[in-house]
Every structure is written in C-alpha cells, then in structure tokens.
Protein backbone atom coordinates (compact mmCIF):
# COMPACT_ATOMS: atom_id res chain seq x y z
CA MET A 1 -122.96 -256.03 -31.72
CA MET A 2 -125.84 -253.73 -32.69
CA GLN A 3 -125.07 -250.74 -34.87
CA LYS A 4 -125.64 -247.42 -33.13
CA LEU A 5 -128.04 -245.32 -35.18
CA ASN A 6 -128.02 -241.55 -35.34
CA ARG A 7 -131.19 -239.57 -34.70
CA GLN A 8 -132.16 -239.35 -38.36
CA GLN A 9 -131.78 -243.10 -38.84
CA THR A 10 -133.73 -243.79 -35.64
CA GLU A 11 -136.58 -241.50 -36.70
CA ALA A 12 -136.64 -243.17 -40.13
CA LYS A 13 -137.06 -246.60 -38.49
CA ILE A 14 -139.83 -245.23 -36.25
CA ASN A 15 -141.60 -243.75 -39.30
CA VAL A 16 -141.45 -247.00 -41.26
CA ARG A 17 -142.85 -248.93 -38.31
CA ALA A 18 -145.66 -246.37 -37.87
CA TRP A 19 -146.52 -246.51 -41.59
CA LYS A 20 -146.74 -250.30 -41.51
CA ASP A 21 -148.48 -250.64 -38.14
CA PRO A 22 -151.37 -248.25 -37.37
CA ALA A 23 -151.62 -249.61 -33.80
CA PHE A 24 -147.96 -248.70 -33.23
CA ALA A 25 -148.59 -245.22 -34.69
CA ALA A 26 -151.45 -244.73 -32.24
CA LYS A 27 -149.33 -246.01 -29.35
CA LEU A 28 -146.54 -243.61 -30.34
CA LYS A 29 -148.99 -240.73 -29.83
CA GLU A 30 -150.57 -242.10 -26.64
CA ASP A 31 -147.57 -243.65 -24.87
CA PRO A 32 -144.35 -242.90 -26.76
CA HIS A 33 -142.08 -244.48 -24.13
CA ALA A 34 -143.92 -247.80 -24.39
CA ALA A 35 -143.88 -247.63 -28.19
CA LEU A 36 -140.13 -247.05 -28.27
CA LYS A 37 -139.52 -249.87 -25.78
CA GLU A 38 -141.55 -252.09 -28.09
CA MET A 39 -138.96 -251.28 -30.77
CA GLY A 40 -136.15 -252.36 -28.44
CA MET A 41 -135.17 -248.86 -27.32
CA THR A 42 -134.84 -249.66 -23.63
CA LYS A 43 -132.48 -246.85 -22.61
CA VAL A 44 -134.89 -243.95 -23.16
CA PRO A 45 -135.25 -242.26 -19.75
CA GLU A 46 -138.79 -241.83 -18.45
CA SER A 47 -137.92 -238.21 -17.66
CA LEU A 48 -137.41 -237.50 -21.38
CA VAL A 49 -140.39 -235.66 -22.86
CA ILE A 50 -141.25 -237.23 -26.21
CA GLN A 51 -143.55 -235.49 -28.66
CA SER A 52 -144.65 -236.67 -32.05
CA ALA A 53 -146.31 -234.72 -34.83
CA GLU A 54 -147.64 -236.11 -38.06
CA GLU A 55 -146.45 -233.94 -40.92
CA LYS A 56 -149.08 -233.76 -43.65
CA ARG A 57 -148.44 -233.31 -47.36
CA ASN A 58 -149.04 -229.55 -47.22
CA GLU A 59 -147.10 -228.96 -43.97
CA TRP A 60 -143.49 -228.48 -43.00
CA ILE A 61 -142.72 -229.01 -39.33
CA ILE A 62 -139.40 -227.40 -38.43
CA ARG A 63 -137.73 -228.70 -35.30
CA LEU A 64 -135.89 -225.94 -33.45
CA HIS A 65 -132.99 -227.17 -31.35
CA GLU A 66 -131.79 -225.56 -28.15
CA ARG A 67 -129.18 -222.92 -28.96
CA PRO A 68 -125.64 -224.01 -28.00
CA LEU A 69 -124.02 -222.01 -25.20
CA ASN A 70 -121.01 -221.41 -27.43
CA TYR A 71 -122.96 -220.46 -30.57
CA ASN A 72 -121.18 -217.11 -30.83
CA GLU A 73 -117.81 -218.92 -30.96
CA LEU A 74 -118.79 -221.12 -33.90
CA SER A 75 -118.77 -220.27 -37.60
CA GLU A 76 -121.98 -220.38 -39.63
CA GLU A 77 -120.71 -223.53 -41.36
CA VAL A 78 -120.03 -225.29 -38.05
CA LEU A 79 -123.39 -224.17 -36.62
CA GLU A 80 -125.18 -225.69 -39.62
CA LYS A 81 -123.34 -228.97 -39.11
CA VAL A 82 -124.13 -228.96 -35.38
CA ALA A 83 -127.81 -228.31 -36.14
CA ALA A 84 -127.80 -231.18 -38.65
CA GLY A 85 -126.29 -233.50 -36.05
CA GLU A 86 -123.04 -233.92 -37.98
CA LEU A 87 -120.76 -232.35 -35.35
CA GLN A 88 -120.64 -232.33 -31.56
CA GLU A 89 -118.92 -228.94 -31.23
CA ALA A 90 -121.78 -227.38 -29.30
CA LYS A 91 -121.55 -226.83 -25.56
CA CYS A 92 -124.90 -227.06 -23.86
CA CYS A 93 -127.18 -229.67 -24.98
CA PRO A 94 -127.09 -233.15 -23.54
CA LYS A 95 -126.46 -235.86 -26.08
CA SER A 96 -129.56 -237.54 -27.37
CA PRO A 97 -130.38 -240.57 -25.19
CA ILE A 98 -131.45 -242.48 -28.26
C-alpha cells in the first residue's frame, strides 16, 4: 500500500524531480497535469487549475489560502494550524485532490 503524502511532502517530491530533471521542470510549467501524471499522480482532476512559480534566492512567494467560512469561530492558534495544513477544522475549502 502506498503511503499518502501531505501537500508539503508532495511538493517536496515535485521539487526534487524538477531539480534533477530540467525537462520535467519545463513540462511542469507547460503542462502541469501531464507532468504530475508522469509522477504517478493519476487522480488530479483536469478541472483543477495548477500554477507553478519558481522562487528565486532573493524572493519569497507566499501562498494565500482561501479563507475558511468559519474563520471567526476559530482561535488564532487553530487558524495557524489550519493554514499550515495540520488541522481540518476549516469549513469551506475542498480537500486537496493530491
């Protein structure tokens, strides 16, 4: 049975592959669905919009997540854990298909 990876682990594997394989890195930019399928990720829906950005040494790309519908019911501590992907207390956002 394959281990289910969280988003951070999945992105780490994608990064390593892109570092080692420039053709894969180019494919990830041009046709991300095909690139992910090449890695065995066959359950990524075609309707999912996938964007990639190469973070340079002097850049910091901050990913902003959709605000949970129940954000005003959650403590700051819980919100930080939800944003980090550690908790599924948020009501709104579909679970990541990856």
